[in-house]
Amino acid sequence: MRRNGQVALGGDGQVTLGNVIAKNDAVKIRRLGGGKVLGGFAGSAADAFALLERFEKKLAEQPDNLRRAAIELAKEWRTDRALRRLEAMLAVADAVSSLIVSGAGDVIEPSDGIIGIGSGGPFATAAAKALLAQSNLSARQVVEESLKIAGEICIYTNTNIKVETLP
């Protein structure tokens, strides 16, 4: 999410296999593109890492153009036979754009700058919208509080939260 010139992206630490918690301290967010881009994932961890690796290559080919890199990844993801089977979503943000990238070929830039992906995404998004409207919290604080709320509601989300920010 974005607020007052700051961009924050966070993730919980829960990894599940079916209805069993396999790991509770996973790190689902990364700094990419020499630290200028934040990336996070939801879905299959192995698939997400494969996508993040490909996305970093697209960022290297399209430096300082997050949108173009995301579009190129989405095109490749949609047309490549092996990539089409990957089950994950990416949330990526830089100083200018916040995007959701999916295997269906979607590259979505929410008009309010709030991104939520994964099982707890809708809960965190709703909480962030309310916190933005009713508080003066920083972008980091809104992300932290939103993810805590999602972790209290969604059985596939926990409250072991990591947040990265861009100034």
N, C-alpha and C. Protein backbone atom coordinates (compact mmCIF):
# COMPACT_ATOMS: atom_id res chain seq x y z
N MET A 1 0.82 -1.18 0.00
CA MET A 1 0.00 0.00 0.00
C MET A 1 0.86 1.24 0.00
N ARG A 2 0.25 2.35 -0.32
CA ARG A 2 0.96 3.63 -0.42
C ARG A 2 0.30 4.65 0.48
N ARG A 3 1.15 5.46 1.12
CA ARG A 3 0.63 6.58 1.91
C ARG A 3 1.75 7.59 2.13
N ASN A 4 1.45 8.85 1.85
CA ASN A 4 2.37 9.96 2.11
C ASN A 4 3.77 9.70 1.53
N GLY A 5 3.83 9.20 0.32
CA GLY A 5 5.10 8.97 -0.35
C GLY A 5 5.83 7.72 0.07
N GLN A 6 5.28 6.95 0.97
CA GLN A 6 5.91 5.70 1.40
C GLN A 6 5.14 4.51 0.83
N VAL A 7 5.89 3.50 0.42
CA VAL A 7 5.30 2.26 -0.08
C VAL A 7 5.68 1.16 0.91
N ALA A 8 4.70 0.37 1.32
CA ALA A 8 4.95 -0.74 2.24
C ALA A 8 4.30 -2.00 1.68
N LEU A 9 5.03 -3.11 1.80
CA LEU A 9 4.53 -4.41 1.37
C LEU A 9 4.85 -5.40 2.47
N GLY A 10 3.87 -6.17 2.85
CA GLY A 10 4.07 -7.13 3.94
C GLY A 10 3.51 -8.48 3.60
N GLY A 11 3.93 -9.45 4.38
CA GLY A 11 3.41 -10.80 4.22
C GLY A 11 3.41 -11.51 5.55
N ASP A 12 2.51 -12.47 5.66
CA ASP A 12 2.50 -13.31 6.85
C ASP A 12 3.52 -14.42 6.65
N GLY A 13 3.65 -15.28 7.64
CA GLY A 13 4.67 -16.32 7.56
C GLY A 13 4.13 -17.71 7.36
N GLN A 14 2.84 -17.86 7.11
CA GLN A 14 2.24 -19.20 7.10
C GLN A 14 2.31 -19.86 5.73
N VAL A 15 2.76 -21.10 5.74
CA VAL A 15 2.74 -21.96 4.57
C VAL A 15 1.93 -23.19 4.95
N THR A 16 0.94 -23.50 4.13
CA THR A 16 0.09 -24.65 4.42
C THR A 16 0.22 -25.70 3.33
N LEU A 17 0.02 -26.93 3.72
CA LEU A 17 -0.12 -28.05 2.79
C LEU A 17 -1.51 -28.61 3.04
N GLY A 18 -2.42 -28.26 2.16
CA GLY A 18 -3.82 -28.62 2.39
C GLY A 18 -4.33 -27.87 3.60
N ASN A 19 -4.80 -28.61 4.60
CA ASN A 19 -5.31 -27.97 5.81
C ASN A 19 -4.34 -28.09 6.99
N VAL A 20 -3.05 -28.29 6.69
CA VAL A 20 -2.03 -28.43 7.72
C VAL A 20 -1.01 -27.29 7.58
N ILE A 21 -0.65 -26.68 8.70
CA ILE A 21 0.39 -25.64 8.68
C ILE A 21 1.74 -26.34 8.59
N ALA A 22 2.47 -26.07 7.52
CA ALA A 22 3.78 -26.69 7.30
C ALA A 22 4.91 -25.81 7.83
N LYS A 23 4.70 -24.50 7.84
CA LYS A 23 5.73 -23.55 8.27
C LYS A 23 5.02 -22.29 8.73
N ASN A 24 5.50 -21.69 9.81
CA ASN A 24 4.85 -20.47 10.28
C ASN A 24 5.73 -19.24 10.22
N ASP A 25 6.96 -19.37 9.71
CA ASP A 25 7.86 -18.22 9.67
C ASP A 25 8.49 -18.00 8.30
N ALA A 26 7.74 -18.31 7.25
CA ALA A 26 8.23 -18.09 5.89
C ALA A 26 8.35 -16.59 5.62
N VAL A 27 9.28 -16.22 4.76
CA VAL A 27 9.42 -14.83 4.32
C VAL A 27 8.90 -14.77 2.90
N LYS A 28 7.76 -14.10 2.73
CA LYS A 28 7.08 -14.06 1.44
C LYS A 28 7.28 -12.77 0.68
N ILE A 29 8.14 -11.90 1.16
CA ILE A 29 8.41 -10.65 0.46
C ILE A 29 9.91 -10.53 0.23
N ARG A 30 10.26 -9.85 -0.84
CA ARG A 30 11.65 -9.68 -1.24
C ARG A 30 11.87 -8.28 -1.80
N ARG A 31 13.12 -7.83 -1.69
CA ARG A 31 13.54 -6.63 -2.40
C ARG A 31 14.12 -7.11 -3.72
N LEU A 32 13.71 -6.48 -4.80
CA LEU A 32 14.13 -6.87 -6.14
C LEU A 32 14.68 -5.64 -6.86
N GLY A 33 15.25 -5.88 -8.04
CA GLY A 33 15.69 -4.76 -8.87
C GLY A 33 16.65 -3.82 -8.17
N GLY A 34 17.64 -4.39 -7.49
CA GLY A 34 18.62 -3.56 -6.78
C GLY A 34 18.03 -2.82 -5.59
N GLY A 35 16.94 -3.35 -5.03
CA GLY A 35 16.32 -2.75 -3.86
C GLY A 35 15.27 -1.70 -4.17
N LYS A 36 15.02 -1.42 -5.47
CA LYS A 36 14.06 -0.41 -5.88
C LYS A 36 12.63 -0.93 -5.97
N VAL A 37 12.49 -2.26 -5.93
CA VAL A 37 11.18 -2.89 -6.11
C VAL A 37 10.93 -3.85 -4.96
N LEU A 38 9.69 -3.87 -4.47
CA LEU A 38 9.28 -4.84 -3.47
C LEU A 38 8.41 -5.87 -4.16
N GLY A 39 8.62 -7.14 -3.84
CA GLY A 39 7.82 -8.20 -4.44
C GLY A 39 7.36 -9.16 -3.37
N GLY A 40 6.13 -9.61 -3.49
CA GLY A 40 5.58 -10.59 -2.57
C GLY A 40 4.80 -11.62 -3.35
N PHE A 41 4.53 -12.76 -2.70
CA PHE A 41 3.82 -13.82 -3.41
C PHE A 41 2.79 -14.48 -2.53
N ALA A 42 1.87 -15.15 -3.20
CA ALA A 42 0.89 -16.00 -2.55
C ALA A 42 0.73 -17.22 -3.44
N GLY A 43 0.36 -18.33 -2.83
CA GLY A 43 0.18 -19.55 -3.59
C GLY A 43 1.30 -20.52 -3.30
N SER A 44 1.57 -21.39 -4.24
CA SER A 44 2.61 -22.40 -4.08
C SER A 44 3.97 -21.72 -3.96
N ALA A 45 4.70 -22.04 -2.90
CA ALA A 45 5.99 -21.39 -2.66
C ALA A 45 6.99 -21.68 -3.78
N ALA A 46 7.08 -22.92 -4.20
CA ALA A 46 8.03 -23.26 -5.27
C ALA A 46 7.68 -22.52 -6.55
N ASP A 47 6.40 -22.48 -6.88
CA ASP A 47 5.97 -21.76 -8.07
C ASP A 47 6.27 -20.27 -7.95
N ALA A 48 6.02 -19.72 -6.77
CA ALA A 48 6.27 -18.30 -6.55
C ALA A 48 7.74 -17.95 -6.69
N PHE A 49 8.62 -18.79 -6.17
CA PHE A 49 10.06 -18.52 -6.32
C PHE A 49 10.48 -18.56 -7.78
N ALA A 50 9.91 -19.50 -8.54
CA ALA A 50 10.21 -19.56 -9.97
C ALA A 50 9.74 -18.28 -10.66
N LEU A 51 8.56 -17.79 -10.28
CA LEU A 51 8.05 -16.55 -10.87
C LEU A 51 8.86 -15.34 -10.47
N LEU A 52 9.24 -15.27 -9.20
CA LEU A 52 10.06 -14.13 -8.75
C LEU A 52 11.39 -14.10 -9.50
N GLU A 53 11.97 -15.27 -9.73
CA GLU A 53 13.23 -15.34 -10.47
C GLU A 53 13.04 -14.83 -11.90
N ARG A 54 11.98 -15.25 -12.55
CA ARG A 54 11.69 -14.77 -13.91
C ARG A 54 11.38 -13.28 -13.92
N PHE A 55 10.67 -12.83 -12.88
CA PHE A 55 10.33 -11.41 -12.80
C PHE A 55 11.61 -10.57 -12.65
N GLU A 56 12.54 -11.05 -11.86
CA GLU A 56 13.81 -10.31 -11.71
C GLU A 56 14.53 -10.20 -13.05
N LYS A 57 14.47 -11.22 -13.87
CA LYS A 57 15.08 -11.16 -15.20
C LYS A 57 14.38 -10.11 -16.05
N LYS A 58 13.04 -10.05 -15.95
CA LYS A 58 12.30 -9.05 -16.70
C LYS A 58 12.64 -7.64 -16.22
N LEU A 59 12.83 -7.49 -14.91
CA LEU A 59 13.23 -6.18 -14.36
C LEU A 59 14.61 -5.78 -14.89
N ALA A 60 15.50 -6.75 -15.01
CA ALA A 60 16.84 -6.45 -15.54
C ALA A 60 16.76 -6.01 -16.99
N GLU A 61 15.83 -6.61 -17.75
CA GLU A 61 15.65 -6.25 -19.16
C GLU A 61 14.94 -4.90 -19.31
N GLN A 62 14.12 -4.55 -18.32
CA GLN A 62 13.32 -3.32 -18.35
C GLN A 62 13.62 -2.47 -17.11
N PRO A 63 14.86 -2.03 -16.95
CA PRO A 63 15.19 -1.30 -15.72
C PRO A 63 14.33 -0.04 -15.57
N ASP A 64 13.92 0.21 -14.35
CA ASP A 64 13.11 1.39 -14.02
C ASP A 64 11.77 1.42 -14.74
N ASN A 65 11.25 0.25 -15.14
CA ASN A 65 9.94 0.20 -15.78
C ASN A 65 9.19 -1.02 -15.25
N LEU A 66 8.68 -0.90 -14.05
CA LEU A 66 7.98 -2.00 -13.38
C LEU A 66 6.80 -2.50 -14.19
N ARG A 67 6.02 -1.58 -14.73
CA ARG A 67 4.83 -1.99 -15.51
C ARG A 67 5.22 -2.86 -16.70
N ARG A 68 6.21 -2.43 -17.46
CA ARG A 68 6.63 -3.18 -18.64
C ARG A 68 7.16 -4.56 -18.22
N ALA A 69 7.95 -4.62 -17.16
CA ALA A 69 8.47 -5.90 -16.69
C ALA A 69 7.33 -6.83 -16.28
N ALA A 70 6.33 -6.29 -15.60
CA ALA A 70 5.18 -7.09 -15.18
C ALA A 70 4.38 -7.59 -16.38
N ILE A 71 4.18 -6.73 -17.36
CA ILE A 71 3.44 -7.12 -18.56
C ILE A 71 4.20 -8.21 -19.32
N GLU A 72 5.49 -8.05 -19.43
CA GLU A 72 6.29 -9.07 -20.13
C GLU A 72 6.24 -10.41 -19.39
N LEU A 73 6.30 -10.37 -18.06
CA LEU A 73 6.18 -11.62 -17.29
C LEU A 73 4.80 -12.24 -17.51
N ALA A 74 3.75 -11.44 -17.44
CA ALA A 74 2.39 -11.95 -17.61
C ALA A 74 2.20 -12.58 -18.99
N LYS A 75 2.76 -11.95 -20.02
CA LYS A 75 2.66 -12.51 -21.37
C LYS A 75 3.36 -13.86 -21.44
N GLU A 76 4.56 -13.92 -20.89
CA GLU A 76 5.32 -15.17 -20.90
C GLU A 76 4.60 -16.24 -20.07
N TRP A 77 4.10 -15.83 -18.91
CA TRP A 77 3.41 -16.74 -18.00
C TRP A 77 2.19 -17.36 -18.69
N ARG A 78 1.49 -16.54 -19.44
CA ARG A 78 0.26 -16.99 -20.10
C ARG A 78 0.52 -17.88 -21.31
N THR A 79 1.62 -17.63 -22.00
CA THR A 79 1.87 -18.36 -23.25
C THR A 79 2.80 -19.56 -23.09
N ASP A 80 3.63 -19.58 -22.07
CA ASP A 80 4.56 -20.69 -21.88
C ASP A 80 3.84 -21.89 -21.25
N ARG A 81 3.96 -23.03 -21.87
CA ARG A 81 3.23 -24.22 -21.43
C ARG A 81 3.56 -24.62 -19.99
N ALA A 82 4.83 -24.59 -19.61
CA ALA A 82 5.23 -24.96 -18.24
C ALA A 82 4.81 -23.90 -17.24
N LEU A 83 4.98 -22.64 -17.59
CA LEU A 83 4.62 -21.56 -16.68
C LEU A 83 3.13 -21.51 -16.40
N ARG A 84 2.32 -21.86 -17.39
CA ARG A 84 0.86 -21.82 -17.22
C ARG A 84 0.38 -22.69 -16.07
N ARG A 85 1.17 -23.70 -15.72
CA ARG A 85 0.78 -24.60 -14.65
C ARG A 85 1.14 -24.07 -13.25
N LEU A 86 1.91 -23.00 -13.20
CA LEU A 86 2.32 -22.44 -11.92
C LEU A 86 1.11 -21.82 -11.20
N GLU A 87 1.03 -22.11 -9.91
CA GLU A 87 -0.09 -21.60 -9.12
C GLU A 87 0.40 -20.65 -8.04
N ALA A 88 0.50 -19.40 -8.43
CA ALA A 88 0.94 -18.35 -7.51
C ALA A 88 0.51 -17.01 -8.07
N MET A 89 0.57 -16.00 -7.23
CA MET A 89 0.32 -14.62 -7.65
C MET A 89 1.45 -13.77 -7.09
N LEU A 90 1.72 -12.68 -7.77
CA LEU A 90 2.74 -11.75 -7.31
C LEU A 90 2.11 -10.39 -7.02
N ALA A 91 2.63 -9.75 -6.00
CA ALA A 91 2.34 -8.34 -5.72
C ALA A 91 3.68 -7.64 -5.83
N VAL A 92 3.77 -6.63 -6.67
CA VAL A 92 5.02 -5.91 -6.87
C VAL A 92 4.77 -4.41 -6.79
N ALA A 93 5.75 -3.69 -6.27
CA ALA A 93 5.59 -2.24 -6.13
C ALA A 93 6.94 -1.55 -6.21
N ASP A 94 6.93 -0.37 -6.79
CA ASP A 94 8.10 0.50 -6.76
C ASP A 94 7.61 1.89 -6.35
N ALA A 95 8.42 2.88 -6.55
CA ALA A 95 8.06 4.23 -6.12
C ALA A 95 6.87 4.79 -6.90
N VAL A 96 6.56 4.22 -8.06
CA VAL A 96 5.51 4.76 -8.92
C VAL A 96 4.25 3.88 -8.96
N SER A 97 4.42 2.57 -9.03
CA SER A 97 3.30 1.67 -9.29
C SER A 97 3.21 0.55 -8.26
N SER A 98 1.98 0.07 -8.05
CA SER A 98 1.71 -1.13 -7.25
C SER A 98 0.87 -2.03 -8.14
N LEU A 99 1.33 -3.27 -8.36
CA LEU A 99 0.67 -4.15 -9.31
C LEU A 99 0.43 -5.54 -8.75
N ILE A 100 -0.66 -6.14 -9.22
CA ILE A 100 -0.94 -7.56 -8.99
C ILE A 100 -0.68 -8.24 -10.33
N VAL A 101 0.09 -9.34 -10.30
CA VAL A 101 0.39 -10.09 -11.52
C VAL A 101 -0.09 -11.51 -11.30
N SER A 102 -0.92 -12.01 -12.24
CA SER A 102 -1.45 -13.37 -12.09
C SER A 102 -1.16 -14.20 -13.34
N GLY A 103 -1.32 -15.50 -13.18
CA GLY A 103 -1.09 -16.43 -14.28
C GLY A 103 -2.15 -16.36 -15.35
N ALA A 104 -3.25 -15.70 -15.08
CA ALA A 104 -4.30 -15.54 -16.09
C ALA A 104 -3.93 -14.43 -17.08
N GLY A 105 -2.77 -13.82 -16.89
CA GLY A 105 -2.34 -12.73 -17.75
C GLY A 105 -2.72 -11.37 -17.21
N ASP A 106 -3.23 -11.34 -15.98
CA ASP A 106 -3.63 -10.08 -15.38
C ASP A 106 -2.44 -9.29 -14.87
N VAL A 107 -2.44 -8.02 -15.16
CA VAL A 107 -1.55 -7.05 -14.53
C VAL A 107 -2.47 -5.92 -14.10
N ILE A 108 -2.75 -5.88 -12.80
CA ILE A 108 -3.76 -4.96 -12.28
C ILE A 108 -3.10 -3.94 -11.37
N GLU A 109 -3.41 -2.67 -11.60
CA GLU A 109 -2.95 -1.60 -10.73
C GLU A 109 -4.16 -1.01 -10.03
N PRO A 110 -4.41 -1.41 -8.78
CA PRO A 110 -5.58 -0.88 -8.07
C PRO A 110 -5.51 0.64 -7.98
N SER A 111 -6.65 1.28 -8.17
CA SER A 111 -6.68 2.74 -8.19
C SER A 111 -6.34 3.36 -6.84
N ASP A 112 -6.56 2.62 -5.74
CA ASP A 112 -6.25 3.17 -4.42
C ASP A 112 -4.87 2.77 -3.91
N GLY A 113 -4.10 2.01 -4.70
CA GLY A 113 -2.75 1.63 -4.30
C GLY A 113 -2.68 0.53 -3.26
N ILE A 114 -3.82 -0.10 -2.95
CA ILE A 114 -3.84 -1.19 -1.95
C ILE A 114 -3.92 -2.52 -2.67
N ILE A 115 -2.99 -3.41 -2.35
CA ILE A 115 -2.94 -4.73 -2.96
C ILE A 115 -3.13 -5.77 -1.87
N GLY A 116 -3.93 -6.76 -2.17
CA GLY A 116 -4.08 -7.91 -1.28
C GLY A 116 -4.17 -9.17 -2.11
N ILE A 117 -3.29 -10.12 -1.87
CA ILE A 117 -3.32 -11.38 -2.61
C ILE A 117 -3.31 -12.53 -1.61
N GLY A 118 -3.68 -13.68 -2.07
CA GLY A 118 -3.67 -14.86 -1.22
C GLY A 118 -4.94 -14.99 -0.42
N SER A 119 -5.00 -16.01 0.42
CA SER A 119 -6.19 -16.32 1.20
C SER A 119 -6.60 -15.16 2.10
N GLY A 120 -5.64 -14.52 2.74
CA GLY A 120 -5.95 -13.42 3.64
C GLY A 120 -6.02 -12.07 2.97
N GLY A 121 -5.76 -12.02 1.66
CA GLY A 121 -5.73 -10.76 0.93
C GLY A 121 -6.98 -9.91 1.04
N PRO A 122 -8.17 -10.48 0.85
CA PRO A 122 -9.38 -9.65 0.97
C PRO A 122 -9.58 -9.09 2.37
N PHE A 123 -9.21 -9.86 3.40
CA PHE A 123 -9.35 -9.38 4.77
C PHE A 123 -8.38 -8.23 5.03
N ALA A 124 -7.13 -8.41 4.60
CA ALA A 124 -6.12 -7.36 4.80
C ALA A 124 -6.47 -6.10 4.00
N THR A 125 -6.99 -6.28 2.80
CA THR A 125 -7.39 -5.13 1.98
C THR A 125 -8.50 -4.34 2.65
N ALA A 126 -9.51 -5.04 3.13
CA ALA A 126 -10.62 -4.36 3.81
C ALA A 126 -10.13 -3.61 5.04
N ALA A 127 -9.27 -4.26 5.82
CA ALA A 127 -8.74 -3.61 7.02
C ALA A 127 -7.91 -2.38 6.64
N ALA A 128 -7.10 -2.49 5.59
CA ALA A 128 -6.27 -1.35 5.16
C ALA A 128 -7.13 -0.18 4.72
N LYS A 129 -8.19 -0.46 3.99
CA LYS A 129 -9.08 0.62 3.54
C LYS A 129 -9.70 1.35 4.74
N ALA A 130 -10.12 0.58 5.74
CA ALA A 130 -10.71 1.20 6.94
C ALA A 130 -9.67 2.00 7.71
N LEU A 131 -8.48 1.44 7.87
CA LEU A 131 -7.43 2.14 8.62
C LEU A 131 -6.99 3.42 7.91
N LEU A 132 -6.92 3.38 6.59
CA LEU A 132 -6.56 4.58 5.84
C LEU A 132 -7.60 5.68 6.04
N ALA A 133 -8.85 5.30 6.03
CA ALA A 133 -9.93 6.29 6.16
C ALA A 133 -10.07 6.84 7.57
N GLN A 134 -9.67 6.06 8.57
CA GLN A 134 -9.96 6.43 9.95
C GLN A 134 -8.73 6.69 10.82
N SER A 135 -7.55 6.76 10.21
CA SER A 135 -6.36 6.97 11.03
C SER A 135 -5.30 7.76 10.28
N ASN A 136 -4.27 8.11 10.98
CA ASN A 136 -3.11 8.77 10.38
C ASN A 136 -1.89 7.86 10.43
N LEU A 137 -2.10 6.56 10.51
CA LEU A 137 -1.00 5.61 10.56
C LEU A 137 -0.15 5.69 9.30
N SER A 138 1.14 5.37 9.43
CA SER A 138 2.03 5.33 8.27
C SER A 138 1.68 4.12 7.41
N ALA A 139 2.23 4.08 6.20
CA ALA A 139 2.01 2.94 5.31
C ALA A 139 2.45 1.64 5.99
N ARG A 140 3.60 1.65 6.63
CA ARG A 140 4.10 0.45 7.33
C ARG A 140 3.12 0.02 8.42
N GLN A 141 2.66 0.97 9.21
CA GLN A 141 1.74 0.64 10.31
C GLN A 141 0.41 0.09 9.79
N VAL A 142 -0.10 0.66 8.70
CA VAL A 142 -1.34 0.17 8.12
C VAL A 142 -1.16 -1.27 7.64
N VAL A 143 -0.06 -1.55 6.98
CA VAL A 143 0.20 -2.92 6.50
C VAL A 143 0.30 -3.87 7.69
N GLU A 144 1.06 -3.50 8.71
CA GLU A 144 1.20 -4.37 9.88
C GLU A 144 -0.14 -4.66 10.54
N GLU A 145 -0.92 -3.63 10.77
CA GLU A 145 -2.22 -3.80 11.44
C GLU A 145 -3.21 -4.58 10.56
N SER A 146 -3.19 -4.31 9.28
CA SER A 146 -4.08 -5.02 8.36
C SER A 146 -3.77 -6.51 8.33
N LEU A 147 -2.49 -6.84 8.29
CA LEU A 147 -2.12 -8.26 8.27
C LEU A 147 -2.42 -8.94 9.60
N LYS A 148 -2.30 -8.21 10.70
CA LYS A 148 -2.68 -8.79 11.99
C LYS A 148 -4.16 -9.12 12.00
N ILE A 149 -4.98 -8.21 11.50
CA ILE A 149 -6.42 -8.45 11.43
C ILE A 149 -6.72 -9.66 10.54
N ALA A 150 -6.09 -9.72 9.37
CA ALA A 150 -6.29 -10.86 8.48
C ALA A 150 -5.88 -12.16 9.16
N GLY A 151 -4.77 -12.13 9.90
CA GLY A 151 -4.28 -13.33 10.60
C GLY A 151 -5.22 -13.79 11.70
N GLU A 152 -6.02 -12.89 12.23
CA GLU A 152 -6.98 -13.25 13.27
C GLU A 152 -8.27 -13.82 12.68
N ILE A 153 -8.49 -13.60 11.38
CA ILE A 153 -9.73 -14.04 10.74
C ILE A 153 -9.52 -15.26 9.84
N CYS A 154 -8.48 -15.23 9.03
CA CYS A 154 -8.27 -16.25 8.00
C CYS A 154 -7.44 -17.41 8.56
N ILE A 155 -7.94 -18.63 8.40
CA ILE A 155 -7.21 -19.79 8.93
C ILE A 155 -5.94 -20.10 8.16
N TYR A 156 -5.78 -19.53 6.96
CA TYR A 156 -4.58 -19.75 6.17
C TYR A 156 -3.58 -18.60 6.28
N THR A 157 -3.79 -17.73 7.24
CA THR A 157 -2.93 -16.56 7.45
C THR A 157 -2.55 -16.50 8.92
N ASN A 158 -1.29 -16.17 9.22
CA ASN A 158 -0.91 -16.01 10.63
C ASN A 158 -0.44 -14.58 10.89
N THR A 159 -0.02 -14.33 12.10
CA THR A 159 0.38 -12.97 12.49
C THR A 159 1.90 -12.85 12.63
N ASN A 160 2.63 -13.75 12.00
CA ASN A 160 4.09 -13.64 11.93
C ASN A 160 4.41 -12.80 10.70
N ILE A 161 4.44 -11.48 10.89
CA ILE A 161 4.43 -10.52 9.79
C ILE A 161 5.81 -9.92 9.53
N LYS A 162 6.14 -9.81 8.26
CA LYS A 162 7.35 -9.11 7.82
C LYS A 162 6.90 -8.00 6.86
N VAL A 163 7.49 -6.82 7.03
CA VAL A 163 7.13 -5.67 6.19
C VAL A 163 8.40 -5.02 5.67
N GLU A 164 8.39 -4.66 4.40
CA GLU A 164 9.47 -3.89 3.77
C GLU A 164 8.87 -2.59 3.27
N THR A 165 9.68 -1.54 3.25
CA THR A 165 9.19 -0.24 2.78
C THR A 165 10.16 0.37 1.78
N LEU A 166 9.61 1.24 0.95
CA LEU A 166 10.38 2.11 0.08
C LEU A 166 10.03 3.52 0.49
N PRO A 167 11.02 4.40 0.55
CA PRO A 167 10.72 5.78 0.95
C PRO A 167 9.90 6.51 -0.10
